[in-house]
Amino acid sequence: MNFYKLKVKSKKFYKSIVSVYCLILNDTVYFTSEGFNHLLYKDFNHPRNINEQYMKLMCLPYVVDVIKNCALISETRKIKRRVKNKLKDAIHYELVHKVAKNKRIRVIIEKIGTGKHKFRSIMPHDKKSKKRS
């Protein structure tokens, strides 16, 4: 599939999700435009390279399955996040779930302060995929 078609198809799929209940977080995870933009951009002005964008978009069809069925929070990271020019405390939850025989997907869920859990990112969890250029 060419990249442009994948991007259009992925955006349409992403917009259709809205929210998913996550048993392990005991809360609903919301899908905002910020989450989709993070798949394509590192920050507001710096797009990810095409290979990285492609890899993340190829993982996107698994996102609902991972969030609904994940039984393991592999990492919890406390960070500071700039929101409307103020630094806020945030937590990133790394959910890892096996979606096929040799395929595990990692989803990052973010909660800023006392706000809602929001989808942040998705990627393969396998060691090989991290080294892919």
Protein backbone atom coordinates (compact mmCIF):
# COMPACT_ATOMS: atom_id res chain seq x y z
CA MET A 1 0.00 0.00 0.00
CA ASN A 2 1.40 3.39 -0.85
CA PHE A 3 2.04 5.82 1.99
CA TYR A 4 -0.56 8.41 0.99
CA LYS A 5 -3.38 5.81 0.88
CA LEU A 6 -2.24 4.36 4.20
CA LYS A 7 -2.29 7.82 5.80
CA VAL A 8 -5.82 8.59 4.55
CA LYS A 9 -7.14 5.15 5.57
CA SER A 10 -5.46 5.38 8.99
CA LYS A 11 -6.87 8.84 9.70
CA LYS A 12 -10.39 7.68 8.84
CA PHE A 13 -10.00 4.61 11.08
CA TYR A 14 -8.52 6.70 13.93
CA LYS A 15 -11.41 9.21 13.82
CA SER A 16 -13.91 6.33 14.03
CA ILE A 17 -12.55 5.08 17.37
CA VAL A 18 -13.34 8.03 19.76
CA SER A 19 -12.74 6.00 22.97
CA VAL A 20 -11.99 2.48 24.27
CA TYR A 21 -12.38 1.09 27.78
CA CYS A 22 -9.10 -0.23 29.20
CA LEU A 23 -9.55 -2.89 31.87
CA ILE A 24 -6.00 -2.69 33.22
CA LEU A 25 -6.24 1.11 33.71
CA ASN A 26 -9.86 0.76 34.88
CA ASP A 27 -10.74 3.80 32.77
CA THR A 28 -11.67 4.95 29.28
CA VAL A 29 -8.90 5.93 26.87
CA TYR A 30 -9.77 8.78 24.50
CA PHE A 31 -8.45 9.28 20.98
CA THR A 32 -7.71 12.95 20.31
CA SER A 33 -6.33 14.66 17.23
CA GLU A 34 -3.13 15.19 19.23
CA GLY A 35 -2.64 11.41 19.38
CA PHE A 36 -2.90 11.00 15.60
CA ASN A 37 -0.60 13.97 15.00
CA HIS A 38 1.99 12.38 17.31
CA LEU A 39 2.14 9.37 14.96
CA LEU A 40 3.28 11.69 12.17
CA TYR A 41 5.18 14.42 14.04
CA LYS A 42 7.72 14.40 16.88
CA ASP A 43 6.45 17.85 17.85
CA PHE A 44 4.54 20.64 16.11
CA ASN A 45 7.21 21.51 13.53
CA HIS A 46 9.22 18.31 13.11
CA PRO A 47 7.70 15.48 11.08
CA ARG A 48 8.90 11.94 11.77
CA ASN A 49 10.76 10.29 8.90
CA ILE A 50 8.55 8.39 6.45
CA ASN A 51 9.70 4.94 7.64
CA GLU A 52 8.78 5.76 11.23
CA GLN A 53 5.38 7.17 10.21
CA TYR A 54 4.71 4.10 8.06
CA MET A 55 5.67 1.72 10.91
CA LYS A 56 3.33 3.49 13.38
CA LEU A 57 0.43 3.64 10.91
CA MET A 58 0.83 -0.06 10.09
CA CYS A 59 0.43 -0.84 13.82
CA LEU A 60 -2.70 1.31 14.19
CA PRO A 61 -5.25 -1.42 13.27
CA TYR A 62 -4.20 -3.25 16.47
CA VAL A 63 -4.74 -0.31 18.84
CA VAL A 64 -8.25 -1.23 20.04
CA ASP A 65 -7.26 -4.87 20.64
CA VAL A 66 -4.18 -3.85 22.64
CA ILE A 67 -6.04 -1.34 24.84
CA LYS A 68 -9.03 -3.64 25.48
CA ASN A 69 -7.10 -6.86 26.10
CA CYS A 70 -3.77 -5.78 27.56
CA ALA A 71 -2.95 -7.56 30.82
CA LEU A 72 0.41 -5.89 31.43
CA ILE A 73 1.57 -2.33 31.99
CA SER A 74 5.22 -2.86 31.08
CA GLU A 75 6.34 0.61 32.17
CA THR A 76 4.96 3.67 33.96
CA ARG A 77 6.89 6.87 33.40
CA LYS A 78 6.36 10.18 35.20
CA ILE A 79 7.22 13.14 33.01
CA LYS A 80 6.76 16.90 32.78
CA ARG A 81 4.70 18.04 29.81
CA ARG A 82 4.26 21.56 28.49
CA VAL A 83 0.55 22.37 28.09
CA LYS A 84 -0.45 25.92 27.09
CA ASN A 85 3.03 27.10 28.05
CA LYS A 86 2.86 25.63 31.58
CA LEU A 87 4.74 22.55 32.80
CA LYS A 88 2.37 19.89 34.09
CA ASP A 89 2.92 16.49 35.68
CA ALA A 90 2.00 13.63 33.37
CA ILE A 91 2.17 9.85 33.42
CA HIS A 92 2.86 7.60 30.44
CA TYR A 93 1.62 4.02 30.64
CA GLU A 94 3.21 1.52 28.27
CA LEU A 95 0.76 -1.27 27.41
CA VAL A 96 2.19 -4.32 25.62
CA HIS A 97 0.00 -7.01 24.09
CA LYS A 98 0.60 -9.96 21.78
CA VAL A 99 -1.54 -9.55 18.66
CA ALA A 100 -0.16 -12.45 16.59
CA LYS A 101 2.16 -15.42 17.07
CA ASN A 102 5.39 -13.40 16.85
CA LYS A 103 4.01 -9.87 17.03
CA ARG A 104 3.70 -7.72 20.12
CA ILE A 105 2.47 -4.13 19.97
CA ARG A 106 3.22 -1.35 22.44
CA VAL A 107 0.71 1.45 23.06
CA ILE A 108 1.51 4.57 25.06
CA ILE A 109 -1.34 6.10 27.07
CA GLU A 110 -0.89 9.53 28.62
CA LYS A 111 -2.63 11.15 31.58
CA ILE A 112 -1.85 14.81 32.30
CA GLY A 113 -2.59 15.85 35.87
CA THR A 114 -6.10 14.74 36.81
CA GLY A 115 -7.24 14.70 33.17
CA LYS A 116 -8.45 11.85 31.00
CA HIS A 117 -6.35 8.94 29.74
CA LYS A 118 -5.47 9.66 26.11
CA PHE A 119 -3.86 7.63 23.36
CA ARG A 120 -0.34 8.92 22.71
CA SER A 121 1.50 6.46 20.46
CA ILE A 122 1.78 2.95 19.05
CA MET A 123 4.72 0.89 17.77
CA PRO A 124 5.96 -2.68 17.47
CA HIS A 125 7.42 -3.97 20.74
CA ASP A 126 9.93 -6.38 19.21
CA LYS A 127 13.62 -5.60 19.57
CA LYS A 128 14.18 -5.86 15.79
CA SER A 129 11.70 -3.09 15.04
CA LYS A 130 13.43 -0.59 17.34
CA LYS A 131 16.62 -0.82 15.27
CA ARG A 132 14.82 -0.47 11.93
CA SER A 133 15.98 2.58 10.00
